[in-house]
């Protein structure tokens, strides 16, 4: 099974059954074809085996004290920070990838954790004590909800509205989507069209992917001269736009123009 199909199959599972570790490693393997997903999953198993007592305290001690995992503050936008295998190797990353590492090692060790998509800073929530949050980017700092509110205002200003909903667990497929969006931002900034293309192709595998997703992918493919595939994507965008009551004429026209260039 190729990686795009494997990724799509993962996303079709019920939300509670989406494996964050496998999804993250499929993304990494697309950027690094030599990567063995199964080998990397086994490395997570080995990490979990070293968690003392199967407790959150033991997990935090292993990852952040013994192994020294920390946020990459020096090169935040290095794409390697978004690849789970690189985070395991280099012991540094961005908040969401460090959170996935923590959640998946914790799951194996019997420590139930969920990701929290607080605007501006991804956190982890302890599902045994739901008022306890962990900031993996800050070396596993633990804090109650009140401290999360303070962190939010430090990031966004005292006048910015804070909602308790910001601390609710985020769905697993949305964590995966955010990982891709981080890579999209990086590759757009770097004008790395080849990498942007596969990120958008992965994004198009979400069952709820909208017309905008296919339209952006079509535009990138067209710029690379892949007119046939670009036309397919514009036609998919038109189909989705029409299904949601949006104007599909522009997408249909773009598809027709590209088809004409193939003749």
Protein backbone atom coordinates (compact mmCIF):
# COMPACT_ATOMS: atom_id res chain seq x y z
CA UNK A 1 0.00 0.00 0.00
CA UNK A 2 1.44 3.38 -0.96
CA UNK A 3 1.68 6.11 1.65
CA UNK A 4 -1.20 8.24 0.36
CA UNK A 5 -3.55 5.26 0.44
CA UNK A 6 -2.29 4.25 3.89
CA UNK A 7 -2.87 7.79 5.14
CA UNK A 8 -6.38 7.87 3.67
CA UNK A 9 -7.19 4.51 5.28
CA UNK A 10 -6.09 5.83 8.68
CA UNK A 11 -8.36 8.86 8.34
CA UNK A 12 -11.38 6.71 7.48
CA UNK A 13 -11.25 5.01 10.87
CA UNK A 14 -13.48 6.15 13.74
CA UNK A 15 -11.91 9.16 15.45
CA UNK A 16 -11.11 7.25 18.63
CA UNK A 17 -9.24 4.61 16.61
CA UNK A 18 -6.99 6.93 14.60
CA UNK A 19 -3.38 6.07 15.56
CA UNK A 20 -1.53 9.35 15.98
CA UNK A 21 1.83 7.62 15.91
CA UNK A 22 1.22 5.83 12.62
CA UNK A 23 -0.34 8.89 10.99
CA UNK A 24 2.59 11.07 12.04
CA UNK A 25 5.10 8.51 10.78
CA UNK A 26 3.34 8.13 7.43
CA UNK A 27 3.75 11.89 7.02
CA UNK A 28 7.43 11.62 7.92
CA UNK A 29 7.93 8.68 5.57
CA UNK A 30 6.58 10.70 2.66
CA UNK A 31 9.37 13.21 3.22
CA UNK A 32 11.94 10.51 4.01
CA UNK A 33 11.34 7.49 1.75
CA UNK A 34 13.98 5.40 3.52
CA UNK A 35 12.05 5.56 6.81
CA UNK A 36 10.67 2.29 8.20
CA UNK A 37 7.38 3.07 9.93
CA UNK A 38 7.35 -0.28 11.71
CA UNK A 39 10.86 0.27 13.08
CA UNK A 40 9.86 3.69 14.41
CA UNK A 41 6.74 2.27 16.05
CA UNK A 42 8.95 -0.29 17.78
CA UNK A 43 11.14 2.53 19.09
CA UNK A 44 8.06 4.06 20.74
CA UNK A 45 7.33 0.67 22.29
CA UNK A 46 10.85 0.63 23.72
CA UNK A 47 10.46 4.11 25.17
CA UNK A 48 7.20 3.12 26.85
CA UNK A 49 8.84 0.07 28.40
CA UNK A 50 11.14 2.42 30.30
CA UNK A 51 8.29 4.42 31.89
CA UNK A 52 8.45 3.67 35.60
CA UNK A 53 5.29 2.49 37.33
CA UNK A 54 3.09 3.33 34.33
CA UNK A 55 2.36 6.78 35.78
CA UNK A 56 2.35 10.30 34.42
CA UNK A 57 5.16 11.15 36.82
CA UNK A 58 7.21 8.31 35.40
CA UNK A 59 6.47 9.39 31.83
CA UNK A 60 7.51 12.98 32.52
CA UNK A 61 10.65 11.83 34.30
CA UNK A 62 11.69 9.62 31.38
CA UNK A 63 11.01 12.00 28.51
CA UNK A 64 11.92 15.34 29.99
CA UNK A 65 14.37 14.70 32.82
CA UNK A 66 16.19 11.53 31.79
CA UNK A 67 16.11 11.98 27.99
CA UNK A 68 15.92 15.76 27.92
CA UNK A 69 13.17 16.35 25.37
CA UNK A 70 12.61 20.08 24.84
CA UNK A 71 11.04 22.50 22.43
CA UNK A 72 13.22 23.67 19.56
CA UNK A 73 13.38 27.39 20.25
CA UNK A 74 16.44 27.98 18.06
CA UNK A 75 15.01 26.70 14.76
CA UNK A 76 11.26 26.44 15.27
CA UNK A 77 10.43 26.26 11.55
CA UNK A 78 12.82 23.44 10.69
CA UNK A 79 10.51 20.87 9.02
CA UNK A 80 12.25 18.10 10.98
CA UNK A 81 10.41 19.41 14.05
CA UNK A 82 7.22 18.09 12.44
CA UNK A 83 8.52 14.58 11.73
CA UNK A 84 7.97 12.23 14.67
CA UNK A 85 11.04 10.09 13.96
CA UNK A 86 13.25 13.18 13.89
CA UNK A 87 11.77 14.38 17.17
CA UNK A 88 12.56 11.01 18.75
CA UNK A 89 16.12 11.13 17.38
CA UNK A 90 16.95 14.77 18.06
CA UNK A 91 14.92 15.08 21.29
CA UNK A 92 13.48 18.39 20.20
CA UNK A 93 10.50 19.59 18.20
CA UNK A 94 7.48 21.86 18.14
CA UNK A 95 4.62 21.60 20.66
CA UNK A 96 2.29 19.41 18.61
CA UNK A 97 4.89 16.80 17.64
CA UNK A 98 6.26 16.60 21.17
CA UNK A 99 2.66 16.19 22.32
CA UNK A 100 2.10 13.30 19.90
CA UNK A 101 5.26 11.64 21.22
CA UNK A 102 4.09 12.08 24.79
CA UNK A 103 0.53 10.87 24.06
CA UNK A 104 1.67 7.78 22.18
CA UNK A 105 4.38 6.74 24.63
CA UNK A 106 1.88 7.39 27.42
CA UNK A 107 -0.77 5.25 25.73
CA UNK A 108 1.62 2.32 25.57
CA UNK A 109 2.55 2.78 29.23
CA UNK A 110 -1.06 3.02 30.42
CA UNK A 111 -1.05 6.80 30.92
CA UNK A 112 -4.18 8.26 29.25
CA UNK A 113 -3.51 11.66 27.67
CA UNK A 114 -5.20 13.85 25.05
CA UNK A 115 -4.04 16.70 22.90
CA UNK A 116 -5.34 20.22 23.56
CA UNK A 117 -5.29 22.70 20.71
CA UNK A 118 -5.16 25.90 22.73
CA UNK A 119 -4.73 28.74 20.20
CA UNK A 120 -1.08 29.56 19.83
CA UNK A 121 0.30 26.70 21.89
CA UNK A 122 -0.49 22.98 21.81
CA UNK A 123 -0.77 21.28 25.21
CA UNK A 124 -1.46 17.82 26.64
CA UNK A 125 -4.25 17.05 29.10
CA UNK A 126 -4.13 14.35 31.75
CA UNK A 127 -7.33 12.30 31.49
CA UNK A 128 -6.97 10.97 35.05
CA UNK A 129 -6.83 14.49 36.50
CA UNK A 130 -8.53 16.65 33.83
CA UNK A 131 -7.41 19.87 35.55
CA UNK A 132 -3.77 18.97 34.95
CA UNK A 133 -2.11 20.10 31.72
CA UNK A 134 1.39 19.52 30.41
CA UNK A 135 3.46 21.76 28.16
CA UNK A 136 5.89 19.43 26.36
CA UNK A 137 7.55 22.37 24.61
CA UNK A 138 8.55 23.70 28.04
CA UNK A 139 10.19 20.46 29.11
CA UNK A 140 7.09 18.79 30.49
CA UNK A 141 5.94 21.66 32.70
CA UNK A 142 2.69 20.80 34.47
CA UNK A 143 0.00 23.35 35.27
CA UNK A 144 -3.67 23.66 36.20
CA UNK A 145 -6.27 25.24 33.93
CA UNK A 146 -5.76 28.64 35.59
CA UNK A 147 -2.11 28.63 34.51
CA UNK A 148 -3.14 27.74 30.97
CA UNK A 149 -5.30 30.85 30.95
CA UNK A 150 -2.31 32.94 32.04
CA UNK A 151 -0.17 31.37 29.31
CA UNK A 152 -2.85 32.19 26.75
CA UNK A 153 -2.88 35.84 27.76
CA UNK A 154 0.92 35.98 27.74
CA UNK A 155 0.80 34.81 24.13
CA UNK A 156 -2.14 36.88 22.92
CA UNK A 157 -2.46 39.84 25.27
CA UNK A 158 -4.61 40.51 28.31
CA UNK A 159 -7.54 41.78 26.24
CA UNK A 160 -7.92 38.64 24.14
CA UNK A 161 -10.97 36.57 25.09
CA UNK A 162 -10.20 33.19 26.67
CA UNK A 163 -12.69 30.34 26.51
CA UNK A 164 -12.65 27.13 28.54
CA UNK A 165 -13.34 25.40 25.23
CA UNK A 166 -9.73 26.15 24.30
CA UNK A 167 -8.70 23.49 26.83
CA UNK A 168 -11.00 20.75 25.55
CA UNK A 169 -9.36 17.67 24.02
CA UNK A 170 -9.01 17.97 20.26
CA UNK A 171 -10.00 15.16 17.91
CA UNK A 172 -7.19 12.96 16.67
CA UNK A 173 -7.83 13.70 13.02
CA UNK A 174 -7.60 17.41 13.79
CA UNK A 175 -4.20 16.89 15.40
CA UNK A 176 -3.03 15.23 12.20
CA UNK A 177 -4.51 18.06 10.14
CA UNK A 178 -2.67 20.64 12.23
CA UNK A 179 0.60 18.80 11.73
CA UNK A 180 0.10 19.03 7.98
CA UNK A 181 -0.86 22.70 8.20
CA UNK A 182 2.39 23.43 10.02
CA UNK A 183 4.32 21.79 7.19
CA UNK A 184 2.25 23.65 4.60
CA UNK A 185 3.20 26.96 6.21
CA UNK A 186 6.89 26.03 6.24
CA UNK A 187 6.98 24.89 2.62
CA UNK A 188 5.06 27.95 1.40
CA UNK A 189 7.56 30.20 3.19
CA UNK A 190 10.45 28.26 1.66
CA UNK A 191 8.89 28.14 -1.82
CA UNK A 192 9.42 24.37 -1.72
CA UNK A 193 6.78 23.47 -4.29
CA UNK A 194 7.60 19.76 -4.45
CA UNK A 195 7.16 19.29 -0.70
CA UNK A 196 4.10 21.52 -0.64
CA UNK A 197 2.50 19.30 -3.28
CA UNK A 198 2.65 16.13 -1.23
CA UNK A 199 1.48 17.94 1.90
CA UNK A 200 -1.58 19.18 0.00
CA UNK A 201 -2.14 15.71 -1.46
CA UNK A 202 -2.21 14.32 2.07
CA UNK A 203 -4.56 17.10 3.14
CA UNK A 204 -6.92 16.15 0.34
CA UNK A 205 -7.34 12.69 1.91
CA UNK A 206 -9.40 14.00 4.84
CA UNK A 207 -13.03 12.93 4.34
CA UNK A 208 -14.17 16.50 4.99
CA UNK A 209 -11.61 18.17 2.70
CA UNK A 210 -13.30 21.12 1.01
CA UNK A 211 -13.11 22.79 -2.36
CA UNK A 212 -10.34 25.13 -1.18
CA UNK A 213 -8.04 22.18 -0.49
CA UNK A 214 -8.41 20.76 -3.99
CA UNK A 215 -8.23 24.22 -5.55
CA UNK A 216 -4.90 24.95 -3.88
CA UNK A 217 -3.55 21.56 -4.89
CA UNK A 218 -4.69 22.15 -8.47
CA UNK A 219 -2.94 25.51 -8.57
CA UNK A 220 0.34 24.03 -7.31
CA UNK A 221 0.16 21.12 -9.76
CA UNK A 222 -0.58 23.46 -12.65
CA UNK A 223 2.44 25.59 -11.80
CA UNK A 224 4.58 22.46 -12.13
CA UNK A 225 3.13 21.58 -15.51
CA UNK A 226 1.10 18.63 -14.22
CA UNK A 227 -1.93 19.82 -16.18
CA UNK A 228 -3.85 16.54 -16.26
CA UNK A 229 -3.73 16.06 -12.49
CA UNK A 230 -4.39 19.77 -11.94
CA UNK A 231 -7.51 19.55 -14.09
CA UNK A 232 -8.71 16.58 -12.04
CA UNK A 233 -8.28 18.61 -8.86
CA UNK A 234 -10.10 21.64 -10.27
CA UNK A 235 -12.96 19.35 -11.27
CA UNK A 236 -13.06 17.91 -7.75
CA UNK A 237 -13.08 21.46 -6.35
CA UNK A 238 -15.97 22.33 -8.67
CA UNK A 239 -17.89 19.25 -7.55
CA UNK A 240 -17.46 20.10 -3.87
CA UNK A 241 -18.24 23.78 -4.43
CA UNK A 242 -21.47 22.94 -6.21
CA UNK A 243 -22.46 20.45 -3.50
CA UNK A 244 -22.17 23.19 -0.87
CA UNK A 245 -23.92 25.91 -2.88
CA UNK A 246 -20.76 27.75 -3.88
CA UNK A 247 -19.86 29.06 -7.31
CA UNK A 248 -18.15 26.30 -9.30
CA UNK A 249 -17.80 28.14 -12.61
CA UNK A 250 -14.22 29.28 -12.00
CA UNK A 251 -13.01 25.79 -11.17
CA UNK A 252 -14.80 24.32 -14.18
CA UNK A 253 -13.26 26.94 -16.45
CA UNK A 254 -9.78 26.31 -15.08
CA UNK A 255 -10.19 22.57 -15.61
CA UNK A 256 -11.32 23.13 -19.21
CA UNK A 257 -8.35 25.41 -19.94
CA UNK A 258 -5.93 22.82 -18.61
CA UNK A 259 -7.59 20.01 -20.57
CA UNK A 260 -7.25 22.09 -23.73
CA UNK A 261 -3.52 22.44 -23.11
CA UNK A 262 -3.19 18.66 -23.19
CA UNK A 263 -4.55 18.42 -26.75
